[in-house]
Amino acid sequence: MAEILEFKKKAPAEVHKGKSLCRHGFHKWIIKQEKQFDSQQGKLVTVYKCERCGKSKVKAL
């Protein structure tokens, strides 16, 4: 028979590490795509994505 391994459950602090900052508005923004053209506004836009929670925002230049 195969040996059965018991895995330790992660503590709530380990599961939600770093997400409390995002909940309070302190995201860690990284640039997803440097130059992207918006056809409706006719402008270049920059797409930002939060490294911790995955939320994205768009900023027109």
PDB file of N, CA and C in Angstrom:
ATOM      1  N   MET A   1       0.828  -1.182   0.000  1.00  0.00           N
ATOM      2  CA  MET A   1       0.000   0.000   0.000  1.00  0.00           C
ATOM      3  C   MET A   1       0.876   1.250   0.000  1.00  0.00           C
ATOM      4  N   ALA A   2       0.321   2.302  -0.485  1.00  0.00           N
ATOM      5  CA  ALA A   2       1.039   3.575  -0.537  1.00  0.00           C
ATOM      6  C   ALA A   2       0.975   4.275   0.814  1.00  0.00           C
ATOM      7  N   GLU A   3       2.001   5.035   1.092  1.00  0.00           N
ATOM      8  CA  GLU A   3       2.009   5.800   2.332  1.00  0.00           C
ATOM      9  C   GLU A   3       1.147   7.049   2.162  1.00  0.00           C
ATOM     10  N   ILE A   4       0.362   7.343   3.153  1.00  0.00           N
ATOM     11  CA  ILE A   4      -0.504   8.519   3.119  1.00  0.00           C
ATOM     12  C   ILE A   4       0.179   9.636   3.903  1.00  0.00           C
ATOM     13  N   LEU A   5       0.374  10.758   3.241  1.00  0.00           N
ATOM     14  CA  LEU A   5       1.018  11.911   3.862  1.00  0.00           C
ATOM     15  C   LEU A   5      -0.042  12.881   4.367  1.00  0.00           C
ATOM     16  N   GLU A   6       0.144  13.366   5.561  1.00  0.00           N
ATOM     17  CA  GLU A   6      -0.768  14.363   6.100  1.00  0.00           C
ATOM     18  C   GLU A   6      -0.159  15.743   5.873  1.00  0.00           C
ATOM     19  N   PHE A   7      -0.914  16.610   5.214  1.00  0.00           N
ATOM     20  CA  PHE A   7      -0.445  17.959   4.942  1.00  0.00           C
ATOM     21  C   PHE A   7      -0.965  18.909   6.011  1.00  0.00           C
ATOM     22  N   LYS A   8      -0.105  19.818   6.417  1.00  0.00           N
ATOM     23  CA  LYS A   8      -0.464  20.798   7.432  1.00  0.00           C
ATOM     24  C   LYS A   8      -1.297  21.904   6.788  1.00  0.00           C
ATOM     25  N   LYS A   9      -2.398  22.282   7.430  1.00  0.00           N
ATOM     26  CA  LYS A   9      -3.220  23.382   6.935  1.00  0.00           C
ATOM     27  C   LYS A   9      -2.478  24.697   7.146  1.00  0.00           C
ATOM     28  N   LYS A  10      -2.629  25.606   6.205  1.00  0.00           N
ATOM     29  CA  LYS A  10      -2.009  26.921   6.345  1.00  0.00           C
ATOM     30  C   LYS A  10      -2.799  27.750   7.349  1.00  0.00           C
ATOM     31  N   ALA A  11      -2.082  28.510   8.127  1.00  0.00           N
ATOM     32  CA  ALA A  11      -2.712  29.412   9.090  1.00  0.00           C
ATOM     33  C   ALA A  11      -3.373  30.557   8.325  1.00  0.00           C
ATOM     34  N   PRO A  12      -4.442  31.138   8.861  1.00  0.00           N
ATOM     35  CA  PRO A  12      -5.099  32.257   8.170  1.00  0.00           C
ATOM     36  C   PRO A  12      -4.157  33.407   7.846  1.00  0.00           C
ATOM     37  N   ALA A  13      -3.161  33.634   8.682  1.00  0.00           N
ATOM     38  CA  ALA A  13      -2.191  34.705   8.414  1.00  0.00           C
ATOM     39  C   ALA A  13      -1.371  34.399   7.166  1.00  0.00           C
ATOM     40  N   GLU A  14      -1.070  33.127   6.924  1.00  0.00           N
ATOM     41  CA  GLU A  14      -0.302  32.748   5.740  1.00  0.00           C
ATOM     42  C   GLU A  14      -1.155  32.812   4.480  1.00  0.00           C
ATOM     43  N   VAL A  15      -2.432  32.458   4.597  1.00  0.00           N
ATOM     44  CA  VAL A  15      -3.326  32.456   3.437  1.00  0.00           C
ATOM     45  C   VAL A  15      -3.576  33.874   2.938  1.00  0.00           C
ATOM     46  N   HIS A  16      -3.798  34.810   3.847  1.00  0.00           N
ATOM     47  CA  HIS A  16      -4.162  36.177   3.480  1.00  0.00           C
ATOM     48  C   HIS A  16      -3.000  37.147   3.588  1.00  0.00           C
ATOM     49  N   LYS A  17      -1.781  36.671   3.498  1.00  0.00           N
ATOM     50  CA  LYS A  17      -0.604  37.520   3.666  1.00  0.00           C
ATOM     51  C   LYS A  17      -0.535  38.572   2.557  1.00  0.00           C
ATOM     52  N   GLY A  18      -0.462  39.849   2.933  1.00  0.00           N
ATOM     53  CA  GLY A  18      -0.328  40.938   1.984  1.00  0.00           C
ATOM     54  C   GLY A  18      -1.629  41.463   1.413  1.00  0.00           C
ATOM     55  N   LYS A  19      -2.748  40.781   1.624  1.00  0.00           N
ATOM     56  CA  LYS A  19      -4.009  41.223   1.038  1.00  0.00           C
ATOM     57  C   LYS A  19      -4.689  42.304   1.857  1.00  0.00           C
ATOM     58  N   SER A  20      -4.319  42.441   3.129  1.00  0.00           N
ATOM     59  CA  SER A  20      -4.944  43.481   3.943  1.00  0.00           C
ATOM     60  C   SER A  20      -4.520  44.865   3.465  1.00  0.00           C
ATOM     61  N   LEU A  21      -3.314  44.976   2.910  1.00  0.00           N
ATOM     62  CA  LEU A  21      -2.875  46.256   2.361  1.00  0.00           C
ATOM     63  C   LEU A  21      -3.757  46.657   1.186  1.00  0.00           C
ATOM     64  N   CYS A  22      -4.080  45.708   0.315  1.00  0.00           N
ATOM     65  CA  CYS A  22      -4.916  46.004  -0.851  1.00  0.00           C
ATOM     66  C   CYS A  22      -6.336  46.384  -0.426  1.00  0.00           C
ATOM     67  N   ARG A  23      -6.847  45.757   0.605  1.00  0.00           N
ATOM     68  CA  ARG A  23      -8.192  46.087   1.075  1.00  0.00           C
ATOM     69  C   ARG A  23      -8.283  47.517   1.578  1.00  0.00           C
ATOM     70  N   HIS A  24      -7.172  48.065   2.037  1.00  0.00           N
ATOM     71  CA  HIS A  24      -7.157  49.434   2.544  1.00  0.00           C
ATOM     72  C   HIS A  24      -6.634  50.428   1.514  1.00  0.00           C
ATOM     73  N   GLY A  25      -6.500  50.012   0.252  1.00  0.00           N
ATOM     74  CA  GLY A  25      -6.140  50.925  -0.828  1.00  0.00           C
ATOM     75  C   GLY A  25      -4.664  51.045  -1.135  1.00  0.00           C
ATOM     76  N   PHE A  26      -3.830  50.226  -0.528  1.00  0.00           N
ATOM     77  CA  PHE A  26      -2.389  50.290  -0.763  1.00  0.00           C
ATOM     78  C   PHE A  26      -1.967  49.137  -1.672  1.00  0.00           C
ATOM     79  N   HIS A  27      -2.284  49.274  -2.959  1.00  0.00           N
ATOM     80  CA  HIS A  27      -1.956  48.238  -3.937  1.00  0.00           C
ATOM     81  C   HIS A  27      -0.488  48.331  -4.340  1.00  0.00           C
ATOM     82  N   LYS A  28       0.014  47.261  -4.909  1.00  0.00           N
ATOM     83  CA  LYS A  28       1.387  47.220  -5.411  1.00  0.00           C
ATOM     84  C   LYS A  28       1.284  47.156  -6.938  1.00  0.00           C
ATOM     85  N   TRP A  29       1.175  48.333  -7.580  1.00  0.00           N
ATOM     86  CA  TRP A  29       0.921  48.409  -9.007  1.00  0.00           C
ATOM     87  C   TRP A  29       2.180  48.104  -9.812  1.00  0.00           C
ATOM     88  N   ILE A  30       2.006  47.276 -10.846  1.00  0.00           N
ATOM     89  CA  ILE A  30       3.057  47.022 -11.829  1.00  0.00           C
ATOM     90  C   ILE A  30       2.452  47.266 -13.202  1.00  0.00           C
ATOM     91  N   ILE A  31       3.267  47.666 -14.165  1.00  0.00           N
ATOM     92  CA  ILE A  31       2.785  47.939 -15.515  1.00  0.00           C
ATOM     93  C   ILE A  31       2.615  46.614 -16.240  1.00  0.00           C
ATOM     94  N   LYS A  32       1.385  46.383 -16.729  1.00  0.00           N
ATOM     95  CA  LYS A  32       1.092  45.138 -17.426  1.00  0.00           C
ATOM     96  C   LYS A  32       1.498  45.245 -18.890  1.00  0.00           C
ATOM     97  N   GLN A  33       1.066  46.298 -19.556  1.00  0.00           N
ATOM     98  CA  GLN A  33       1.432  46.526 -20.954  1.00  0.00           C
ATOM     99  C   GLN A  33       1.879  47.975 -21.064  1.00  0.00           C
ATOM    100  N   GLU A  34       3.079  48.184 -21.543  1.00  0.00           N
ATOM    101  CA  GLU A  34       3.640  49.542 -21.567  1.00  0.00           C
ATOM    102  C   GLU A  34       2.853  50.490 -22.465  1.00  0.00           C
ATOM    103  N   LYS A  35       2.635  50.114 -23.719  1.00  0.00           N
ATOM    104  CA  LYS A  35       1.921  51.004 -24.635  1.00  0.00           C
ATOM    105  C   LYS A  35       0.763  50.250 -25.260  1.00  0.00           C
ATOM    106  N   GLN A  36      -0.420  50.798 -25.072  1.00  0.00           N
ATOM    107  CA  GLN A  36      -1.626  50.211 -25.632  1.00  0.00           C
ATOM    108  C   GLN A  36      -2.472  51.370 -26.162  1.00  0.00           C
ATOM    109  N   PHE A  37      -3.020  51.223 -27.357  1.00  0.00           N
ATOM    110  CA  PHE A  37      -3.776  52.296 -27.988  1.00  0.00           C
ATOM    111  C   PHE A  37      -5.258  52.086 -27.736  1.00  0.00           C
ATOM    112  N   ASP A  38      -5.943  53.116 -27.241  1.00  0.00           N
ATOM    113  CA  ASP A  38      -7.380  53.070 -27.018  1.00  0.00           C
ATOM    114  C   ASP A  38      -8.064  53.705 -28.218  1.00  0.00           C
ATOM    115  N   SER A  39      -8.849  52.928 -28.941  1.00  0.00           N
ATOM    116  CA  SER A  39      -9.448  53.420 -30.182  1.00  0.00           C
ATOM    117  C   SER A  39     -10.599  54.394 -29.925  1.00  0.00           C
ATOM    118  N   GLN A  40     -11.269  54.306 -28.779  1.00  0.00           N
ATOM    119  CA  GLN A  40     -12.388  55.205 -28.514  1.00  0.00           C
ATOM    120  C   GLN A  40     -11.897  56.615 -28.182  1.00  0.00           C
ATOM    121  N   GLN A  41     -10.874  56.732 -27.363  1.00  0.00           N
ATOM    122  CA  GLN A  41     -10.361  58.044 -26.982  1.00  0.00           C
ATOM    123  C   GLN A  41      -9.266  58.520 -27.928  1.00  0.00           C
ATOM    124  N   GLY A  42      -8.649  57.618 -28.663  1.00  0.00           N
ATOM    125  CA  GLY A  42      -7.554  57.978 -29.549  1.00  0.00           C
ATOM    126  C   GLY A  42      -6.283  58.327 -28.805  1.00  0.00           C
ATOM    127  N   LYS A  43      -6.079  57.717 -27.647  1.00  0.00           N
ATOM    128  CA  LYS A  43      -4.921  58.016 -26.813  1.00  0.00           C
ATOM    129  C   LYS A  43      -4.185  56.730 -26.459  1.00  0.00           C
ATOM    130  N   LEU A  44      -2.928  56.905 -26.057  1.00  0.00           N
ATOM    131  CA  LEU A  44      -2.186  55.780 -25.512  1.00  0.00           C
ATOM    132  C   LEU A  44      -2.570  55.616 -24.046  1.00  0.00           C
ATOM    133  N   VAL A  45      -2.793  54.386 -23.634  1.00  0.00           N
ATOM    134  CA  VAL A  45      -3.154  54.124 -22.246  1.00  0.00           C
ATOM    135  C   VAL A  45      -2.164  53.131 -21.646  1.00  0.00           C
ATOM    136  N   THR A  46      -1.994  53.204 -20.342  1.00  0.00           N
ATOM    137  CA  THR A  46      -1.130  52.285 -19.611  1.00  0.00           C
ATOM    138  C   THR A  46      -2.003  51.423 -18.718  1.00  0.00           C
ATOM    139  N   VAL A  47      -1.790  50.120 -18.766  1.00  0.00           N
ATOM    140  CA  VAL A  47      -2.553  49.186 -17.948  1.00  0.00           C
ATOM    141  C   VAL A  47      -1.703  48.797 -16.742  1.00  0.00           C
ATOM    142  N   TYR A  48      -2.243  49.022 -15.550  1.00  0.00           N
ATOM    143  CA  TYR A  48      -1.573  48.657 -14.308  1.00  0.00           C
ATOM    144  C   TYR A  48      -2.298  47.466 -13.691  1.00  0.00           C
ATOM    145  N   LYS A  49      -1.552  46.559 -13.053  1.00  0.00           N
ATOM    146  CA  LYS A  49      -2.133  45.411 -12.376  1.00  0.00           C
ATOM    147  C   LYS A  49      -1.481  45.270 -11.007  1.00  0.00           C
ATOM    148  N   CYS A  50      -2.296  45.008  -9.987  1.00  0.00           N
ATOM    149  CA  CYS A  50      -1.770  44.832  -8.639  1.00  0.00           C
ATOM    150  C   CYS A  50      -1.105  43.463  -8.544  1.00  0.00           C
ATOM    151  N   GLU A  51       0.102  43.459  -8.014  1.00  0.00           N
ATOM    152  CA  GLU A  51       0.876  42.222  -7.915  1.00  0.00           C
ATOM    153  C   GLU A  51       0.295  41.273  -6.873  1.00  0.00           C
ATOM    154  N   ARG A  52      -0.349  41.825  -5.835  1.00  0.00           N
ATOM    155  CA  ARG A  52      -0.859  40.987  -4.750  1.00  0.00           C
ATOM    156  C   ARG A  52      -2.258  40.448  -5.025  1.00  0.00           C
ATOM    157  N   CYS A  53      -3.206  41.326  -5.387  1.00  0.00           N
ATOM    158  CA  CYS A  53      -4.600  40.890  -5.485  1.00  0.00           C
ATOM    159  C   CYS A  53      -5.082  40.700  -6.917  1.00  0.00           C
ATOM    160  N   GLY A  54      -4.389  41.245  -7.910  1.00  0.00           N
ATOM    161  CA  GLY A  54      -4.774  41.046  -9.299  1.00  0.00           C
ATOM    162  C   GLY A  54      -5.711  42.103  -9.859  1.00  0.00           C
ATOM    163  N   LYS A  55      -6.056  43.119  -9.097  1.00  0.00           N
ATOM    164  CA  LYS A  55      -6.928  44.192  -9.576  1.00  0.00           C
ATOM    165  C   LYS A  55      -6.184  45.005 -10.626  1.00  0.00           C
ATOM    166  N   SER A  56      -6.910  45.489 -11.645  1.00  0.00           N
ATOM    167  CA  SER A  56      -6.257  46.259 -12.699  1.00  0.00           C
ATOM    168  C   SER A  56      -6.903  47.633 -12.830  1.00  0.00           C
ATOM    169  N   LYS A  57      -6.101  48.595 -13.334  1.00  0.00           N
ATOM    170  CA  LYS A  57      -6.605  49.938 -13.603  1.00  0.00           C
ATOM    171  C   LYS A  57      -5.946  50.440 -14.875  1.00  0.00           C
ATOM    172  N   VAL A  58      -6.600  51.389 -15.530  1.00  0.00           N
ATOM    173  CA  VAL A  58      -6.119  51.941 -16.792  1.00  0.00           C
ATOM    174  C   VAL A  58      -5.930  53.436 -16.607  1.00  0.00           C
ATOM    175  N   LYS A  59      -4.793  53.948 -17.083  1.00  0.00           N
ATOM    176  CA  LYS A  59      -4.511  55.377 -16.989  1.00  0.00           C
ATOM    177  C   LYS A  59      -4.166  55.892 -18.379  1.00  0.00           C
ATOM    178  N   ALA A  60      -4.898  56.929 -18.834  1.00  0.00           N
ATOM    179  CA  ALA A  60      -4.648  57.518 -20.144  1.00  0.00           C
ATOM    180  C   ALA A  60      -3.508  58.517 -20.047  1.00  0.00           C
ATOM    181  N   LEU A  61      -2.694  58.571 -21.089  1.00  0.00           N
ATOM    182  CA  LEU A  61      -1.568  59.510 -21.117  1.00  0.00           C
ATOM    183  C   LEU A  61      -1.984  60.830 -21.719  1.00  0.00           C
TER     184      LEU A  61
END
